[in-house]
C-alpha cells in the first residue's frame, strides 16, 4: 500500500503532467472566417469601364485585426487568419491604410494557389497596396511571435475588385463582343 503523502505526490505529478500537456498542445487549425463582401459591382464597373487604363474598382470595406478574422496560438507563435471574398471579381487586392509588422511577423496573402509574403523589410512606410490576386478570394494569414503580437498593426480600408484582366482594354458599357 502507498503511503498517503506519496499517493498525493503521485496524484499531483499526474495532474501537473496532464495540465502541461493541455497547455503545450498545438491548437487545432479552424477554418479561417470568411468575410463575403456583398456589393453590386455593375454600377461601379459602368462608371470605370470607359477609362482604358482601369481594370478594377474600389470597394470600401474595412478589416481590422482586433475586429475581424480569428487568432490562434501555436506554442510561442500567434496566427491571424481571414478569408475575404468579393463575388464576381476577376482579381482582388487591398489597400492597408495602416500597417506595421515587427521583425517576427509575416503577412501571407494567397489567391488561386499563389502566395505573396510581406515581411517588415518589404513594407515601406505605414501603408500597403497589395499585389493582385487572381480570382474573387484572398486568404490572409499573419504570423507573429506571441511576445510581439501587441506591436502588429493591420487596418485594411478597401479592396480593389478587378473586372477584367490587367492590361486589356475595357469594353464600353452596353457594347457587344
C-alpha atoms as a PDB file:
ATOM      1  CA  UNK A   1       0.000   0.000   0.000  1.00  0.00           C
ATOM      2  CA  UNK A   2       1.231   3.506  -0.854  1.00  0.00           C
ATOM      3  CA  UNK A   3       1.636   5.998   1.997  1.00  0.00           C
ATOM      4  CA  UNK A   4      -0.906   8.907   1.884  1.00  0.00           C
ATOM      5  CA  UNK A   5       1.783  11.580   1.331  1.00  0.00           C
ATOM      6  CA  UNK A   6       3.311   9.566  -1.504  1.00  0.00           C
ATOM      7  CA  UNK A   7      -0.137   8.980  -3.063  1.00  0.00           C
ATOM      8  CA  UNK A   8      -0.867  12.738  -3.015  1.00  0.00           C
ATOM      9  CA  UNK A   9       2.535  13.385  -4.590  1.00  0.00           C
ATOM     10  CA  UNK A  10       1.823  10.877  -7.381  1.00  0.00           C
ATOM     11  CA  UNK A  11      -1.633  12.360  -7.993  1.00  0.00           C
ATOM     12  CA  UNK A  12      -0.164  15.887  -8.150  1.00  0.00           C
ATOM     13  CA  UNK A  13       2.509  14.704 -10.578  1.00  0.00           C
ATOM     14  CA  UNK A  14      -0.112  13.117 -12.845  1.00  0.00           C
ATOM     15  CA  UNK A  15      -2.370  16.201 -12.720  1.00  0.00           C
ATOM     16  CA  UNK A  16       0.546  18.562 -13.439  1.00  0.00           C
ATOM     17  CA  UNK A  17       1.608  16.385 -16.380  1.00  0.00           C
ATOM     18  CA  UNK A  18      -1.921  16.474 -17.785  1.00  0.00           C
ATOM     19  CA  UNK A  19      -2.181  20.256 -17.378  1.00  0.00           C
ATOM     20  CA  UNK A  20       1.215  20.733 -19.040  1.00  0.00           C
ATOM     21  CA  UNK A  21       0.138  18.532 -21.960  1.00  0.00           C
ATOM     22  CA  UNK A  22      -3.027  20.578 -22.466  1.00  0.00           C
ATOM     23  CA  UNK A  23      -1.216  23.926 -22.248  1.00  0.00           C
ATOM     24  CA  UNK A  24       1.540  22.963 -24.691  1.00  0.00           C
ATOM     25  CA  UNK A  25      -0.579  21.047 -27.196  1.00  0.00           C
ATOM     26  CA  UNK A  26      -0.993  22.800 -30.533  1.00  0.00           C
ATOM     27  CA  UNK A  27      -4.361  24.390 -31.125  1.00  0.00           C
ATOM     28  CA  UNK A  28      -6.188  22.734 -33.992  1.00  0.00           C
ATOM     29  CA  UNK A  29      -6.455  24.974 -37.006  1.00  0.00           C
ATOM     30  CA  UNK A  30     -10.019  26.055 -37.527  1.00  0.00           C
ATOM     31  CA  UNK A  31     -11.119  27.185 -40.940  1.00  0.00           C
ATOM     32  CA  UNK A  32     -10.448  30.876 -41.445  1.00  0.00           C
ATOM     33  CA  UNK A  33     -13.545  33.029 -41.083  1.00  0.00           C
ATOM     34  CA  UNK A  34     -14.917  34.053 -44.483  1.00  0.00           C
ATOM     35  CA  UNK A  35     -15.865  37.693 -44.950  1.00  0.00           C
ATOM     36  CA  UNK A  36     -18.049  37.894 -48.072  1.00  0.00           C
ATOM     37  CA  UNK A  37     -18.433  41.447 -49.331  1.00  0.00           C
ATOM     38  CA  UNK A  38     -21.846  41.593 -50.965  1.00  0.00           C
ATOM     39  CA  UNK A  39     -21.808  44.529 -53.339  1.00  0.00           C
ATOM     40  CA  UNK A  40     -23.260  45.117 -56.773  1.00  0.00           C
ATOM     41  CA  UNK A  41     -20.128  45.796 -58.821  1.00  0.00           C
ATOM     42  CA  UNK A  42     -22.048  46.589 -62.052  1.00  0.00           C
ATOM     43  CA  UNK A  43     -22.666  50.324 -61.402  1.00  0.00           C
ATOM     44  CA  UNK A  44     -19.060  50.801 -60.277  1.00  0.00           C
ATOM     45  CA  UNK A  45     -17.776  48.999 -63.360  1.00  0.00           C
ATOM     46  CA  UNK A  46     -20.080  51.010 -65.658  1.00  0.00           C
ATOM     47  CA  UNK A  47     -18.550  54.247 -64.347  1.00  0.00           C
ATOM     48  CA  UNK A  48     -14.958  52.984 -64.588  1.00  0.00           C
ATOM     49  CA  UNK A  49     -15.024  50.957 -67.829  1.00  0.00           C
ATOM     50  CA  UNK A  50     -14.792  53.968 -70.139  1.00  0.00           C
ATOM     51  CA  UNK A  51     -11.213  54.528 -68.956  1.00  0.00           C
ATOM     52  CA  UNK A  52      -8.954  52.157 -70.925  1.00  0.00           C
ATOM     53  CA  UNK A  53      -6.393  52.031 -68.105  1.00  0.00           C
ATOM     54  CA  UNK A  54      -8.860  50.912 -65.433  1.00  0.00           C
ATOM     55  CA  UNK A  55      -9.244  47.247 -64.642  1.00  0.00           C
ATOM     56  CA  UNK A  56     -10.571  47.391 -61.072  1.00  0.00           C
ATOM     57  CA  UNK A  57     -12.946  49.346 -58.876  1.00  0.00           C
ATOM     58  CA  UNK A  58     -12.520  50.296 -55.244  1.00  0.00           C
ATOM     59  CA  UNK A  59     -14.757  48.517 -52.778  1.00  0.00           C
ATOM     60  CA  UNK A  60     -14.634  50.291 -49.415  1.00  0.00           C
ATOM     61  CA  UNK A  61     -14.548  47.538 -46.784  1.00  0.00           C
ATOM     62  CA  UNK A  62     -12.664  47.843 -43.521  1.00  0.00           C
ATOM     63  CA  UNK A  63     -10.790  44.965 -41.912  1.00  0.00           C
ATOM     64  CA  UNK A  64      -9.089  45.126 -38.535  1.00  0.00           C
ATOM     65  CA  UNK A  65      -7.002  42.573 -36.633  1.00  0.00           C
ATOM     66  CA  UNK A  66      -8.965  43.382 -33.486  1.00  0.00           C
ATOM     67  CA  UNK A  67     -12.427  43.038 -35.022  1.00  0.00           C
ATOM     68  CA  UNK A  68     -12.164  40.585 -37.912  1.00  0.00           C
ATOM     69  CA  UNK A  69     -10.636  37.197 -38.575  1.00  0.00           C
ATOM     70  CA  UNK A  70      -9.539  34.718 -35.934  1.00  0.00           C
ATOM     71  CA  UNK A  71      -6.408  34.463 -33.795  1.00  0.00           C
ATOM     72  CA  UNK A  72      -4.918  31.108 -32.775  1.00  0.00           C
ATOM     73  CA  UNK A  73      -1.810  30.279 -30.783  1.00  0.00           C
ATOM     74  CA  UNK A  74       0.696  27.506 -31.506  1.00  0.00           C
ATOM     75  CA  UNK A  75       3.381  27.475 -28.826  1.00  0.00           C
ATOM     76  CA  UNK A  76       5.097  30.864 -28.986  1.00  0.00           C
ATOM     77  CA  UNK A  77       3.553  31.757 -32.388  1.00  0.00           C
ATOM     78  CA  UNK A  78       0.244  33.608 -32.869  1.00  0.00           C
ATOM     79  CA  UNK A  79      -1.598  33.347 -36.183  1.00  0.00           C
ATOM     80  CA  UNK A  80      -4.408  35.541 -37.516  1.00  0.00           C
ATOM     81  CA  UNK A  81      -6.498  34.234 -40.424  1.00  0.00           C
ATOM     82  CA  UNK A  82      -9.197  35.759 -42.579  1.00  0.00           C
ATOM     83  CA  UNK A  83     -10.609  34.929 -45.996  1.00  0.00           C
ATOM     84  CA  UNK A  84     -12.156  37.817 -47.924  1.00  0.00           C
ATOM     85  CA  UNK A  85     -14.387  37.200 -50.939  1.00  0.00           C
ATOM     86  CA  UNK A  86     -15.860  39.713 -53.374  1.00  0.00           C
ATOM     87  CA  UNK A  87     -18.147  37.637 -55.633  1.00  0.00           C
ATOM     88  CA  UNK A  88     -17.647  38.092 -59.397  1.00  0.00           C
ATOM     89  CA  UNK A  89     -14.259  39.853 -59.054  1.00  0.00           C
ATOM     90  CA  UNK A  90     -11.713  38.700 -61.649  1.00  0.00           C
ATOM     91  CA  UNK A  91      -8.792  39.866 -59.493  1.00  0.00           C
ATOM     92  CA  UNK A  92      -8.589  41.118 -55.940  1.00  0.00           C
ATOM     93  CA  UNK A  93      -6.158  43.258 -53.967  1.00  0.00           C
ATOM     94  CA  UNK A  94      -6.347  45.506 -50.929  1.00  0.00           C
ATOM     95  CA  UNK A  95      -5.162  48.816 -49.541  1.00  0.00           C
ATOM     96  CA  UNK A  96      -3.928  48.721 -45.945  1.00  0.00           C
ATOM     97  CA  UNK A  97      -4.162  52.306 -44.756  1.00  0.00           C
ATOM     98  CA  UNK A  98      -2.120  51.380 -41.683  1.00  0.00           C
ATOM     99  CA  UNK A  99       0.380  48.573 -41.315  1.00  0.00           C
ATOM    100  CA  UNK A 100       3.267  47.795 -39.017  1.00  0.00           C
ATOM    101  CA  UNK A 101       4.979  44.424 -38.781  1.00  0.00           C
ATOM    102  CA  UNK A 102       7.559  43.762 -36.059  1.00  0.00           C
ATOM    103  CA  UNK A 103      10.632  41.694 -37.088  1.00  0.00           C
ATOM    104  CA  UNK A 104       8.974  38.348 -36.220  1.00  0.00           C
ATOM    105  CA  UNK A 105       5.834  38.988 -38.307  1.00  0.00           C
ATOM    106  CA  UNK A 106       4.970  37.721 -41.789  1.00  0.00           C
ATOM    107  CA  UNK A 107       1.763  38.546 -43.687  1.00  0.00           C
ATOM    108  CA  UNK A 108       0.903  35.948 -46.322  1.00  0.00           C
ATOM    109  CA  UNK A 109      -1.713  36.720 -48.948  1.00  0.00           C
ATOM    110  CA  UNK A 110      -2.895  33.824 -51.116  1.00  0.00           C
ATOM    111  CA  UNK A 111      -5.178  33.685 -54.139  1.00  0.00           C
ATOM    112  CA  UNK A 112      -5.742  30.802 -56.559  1.00  0.00           C
ATOM    113  CA  UNK A 113      -2.787  28.841 -55.220  1.00  0.00           C
ATOM    114  CA  UNK A 114      -0.269  31.720 -55.373  1.00  0.00           C
ATOM    115  CA  UNK A 115       1.064  33.189 -52.120  1.00  0.00           C
ATOM    116  CA  UNK A 116       2.814  36.525 -51.605  1.00  0.00           C
ATOM    117  CA  UNK A 117       4.736  37.237 -48.415  1.00  0.00           C
ATOM    118  CA  UNK A 118       5.108  40.628 -46.801  1.00  0.00           C
ATOM    119  CA  UNK A 119       7.809  40.989 -44.154  1.00  0.00           C
ATOM    120  CA  UNK A 120       8.880  44.176 -42.357  1.00  0.00           C
ATOM    121  CA  UNK A 121      11.649  44.652 -44.942  1.00  0.00           C
ATOM    122  CA  UNK A 122       9.069  44.675 -47.769  1.00  0.00           C
ATOM    123  CA  UNK A 123       6.823  47.281 -46.128  1.00  0.00           C
ATOM    124  CA  UNK A 124       7.838  50.850 -46.877  1.00  0.00           C
ATOM    125  CA  UNK A 125       6.087  53.419 -44.749  1.00  0.00           C
ATOM    126  CA  UNK A 126       2.855  52.760 -42.890  1.00  0.00           C
ATOM    127  CA  UNK A 127       0.579  51.659 -45.740  1.00  0.00           C
ATOM    128  CA  UNK A 128       0.499  48.847 -48.278  1.00  0.00           C
ATOM    129  CA  UNK A 129      -1.090  48.347 -51.673  1.00  0.00           C
ATOM    130  CA  UNK A 130      -1.091  44.569 -52.056  1.00  0.00           C
ATOM    131  CA  UNK A 131      -0.279  42.666 -55.204  1.00  0.00           C
ATOM    132  CA  UNK A 132      -3.142  41.453 -57.376  1.00  0.00           C
ATOM    133  CA  UNK A 133      -4.528  38.029 -56.666  1.00  0.00           C
ATOM    134  CA  UNK A 134      -6.337  36.105 -59.380  1.00  0.00           C
ATOM    135  CA  UNK A 135      -9.972  35.348 -58.588  1.00  0.00           C
ATOM    136  CA  UNK A 136     -12.542  36.696 -56.156  1.00  0.00           C
ATOM    137  CA  UNK A 137     -10.968  35.442 -52.922  1.00  0.00           C
ATOM    138  CA  UNK A 138      -7.950  36.420 -50.817  1.00  0.00           C
ATOM    139  CA  UNK A 139      -6.711  34.325 -47.908  1.00  0.00           C
ATOM    140  CA  UNK A 140      -4.829  36.456 -45.385  1.00  0.00           C
ATOM    141  CA  UNK A 141      -2.589  34.881 -42.737  1.00  0.00           C
ATOM    142  CA  UNK A 142      -0.428  36.862 -40.354  1.00  0.00           C
ATOM    143  CA  UNK A 143       2.027  35.055 -38.076  1.00  0.00           C
ATOM    144  CA  UNK A 144       3.978  36.711 -35.270  1.00  0.00           C
ATOM    145  CA  UNK A 145       5.801  35.728 -32.102  1.00  0.00           C
ATOM    146  CA  UNK A 146       3.367  35.922 -29.203  1.00  0.00           C
ATOM    147  CA  UNK A 147       5.624  38.425 -27.422  1.00  0.00           C
ATOM    148  CA  UNK A 148       5.368  40.799 -30.440  1.00  0.00           C
ATOM    149  CA  UNK A 149       1.613  40.480 -31.101  1.00  0.00           C
ATOM    150  CA  UNK A 150       0.672  43.794 -29.479  1.00  0.00           C
ATOM    151  CA  UNK A 151       3.029  45.622 -31.871  1.00  0.00           C
ATOM    152  CA  UNK A 152       1.298  44.377 -35.039  1.00  0.00           C
ATOM    153  CA  UNK A 153      -0.954  46.802 -36.865  1.00  0.00           C
ATOM    154  CA  UNK A 154      -3.073  45.980 -39.930  1.00  0.00           C
ATOM    155  CA  UNK A 155      -6.018  48.150 -40.920  1.00  0.00           C
ATOM    156  CA  UNK A 156      -7.428  47.475 -44.381  1.00  0.00           C
ATOM    157  CA  UNK A 157      -9.501  50.361 -45.754  1.00  0.00           C
ATOM    158  CA  UNK A 158     -10.639  48.958 -49.095  1.00  0.00           C
ATOM    159  CA  UNK A 159     -10.357  46.200 -51.668  1.00  0.00           C
ATOM    160  CA  UNK A 160      -9.848  46.585 -55.394  1.00  0.00           C
ATOM    161  CA  UNK A 161     -12.124  44.244 -57.327  1.00  0.00           C
ATOM    162  CA  UNK A 162     -10.879  43.593 -60.842  1.00  0.00           C
ATOM    163  CA  UNK A 163     -13.484  43.388 -63.567  1.00  0.00           C
ATOM    164  CA  UNK A 164     -11.137  42.405 -66.390  1.00  0.00           C
ATOM    165  CA  UNK A 165      -7.570  41.220 -66.688  1.00  0.00           C
ATOM    166  CA  UNK A 166      -4.973  43.926 -66.099  1.00  0.00           C
ATOM    167  CA  UNK A 167      -3.626  45.271 -69.381  1.00  0.00           C
ATOM    168  CA  UNK A 168      -6.722  44.626 -71.507  1.00  0.00           C
ATOM    169  CA  UNK A 169      -8.852  47.470 -72.782  1.00  0.00           C
ATOM    170  CA  UNK A 170     -12.246  47.821 -71.191  1.00  0.00           C
ATOM    171  CA  UNK A 171     -15.347  47.178 -73.214  1.00  0.00           C
ATOM    172  CA  UNK A 172     -17.679  50.171 -73.322  1.00  0.00           C
ATOM    173  CA  UNK A 173     -20.808  49.601 -71.230  1.00  0.00           C
ATOM    174  CA  UNK A 174     -23.510  48.050 -73.367  1.00  0.00           C
ATOM    175  CA  UNK A 175     -21.085  47.164 -76.217  1.00  0.00           C
ATOM    176  CA  UNK A 176     -21.340  43.690 -77.692  1.00  0.00           C
ATOM    177  CA  UNK A 177     -18.385  41.365 -78.035  1.00  0.00           C
END
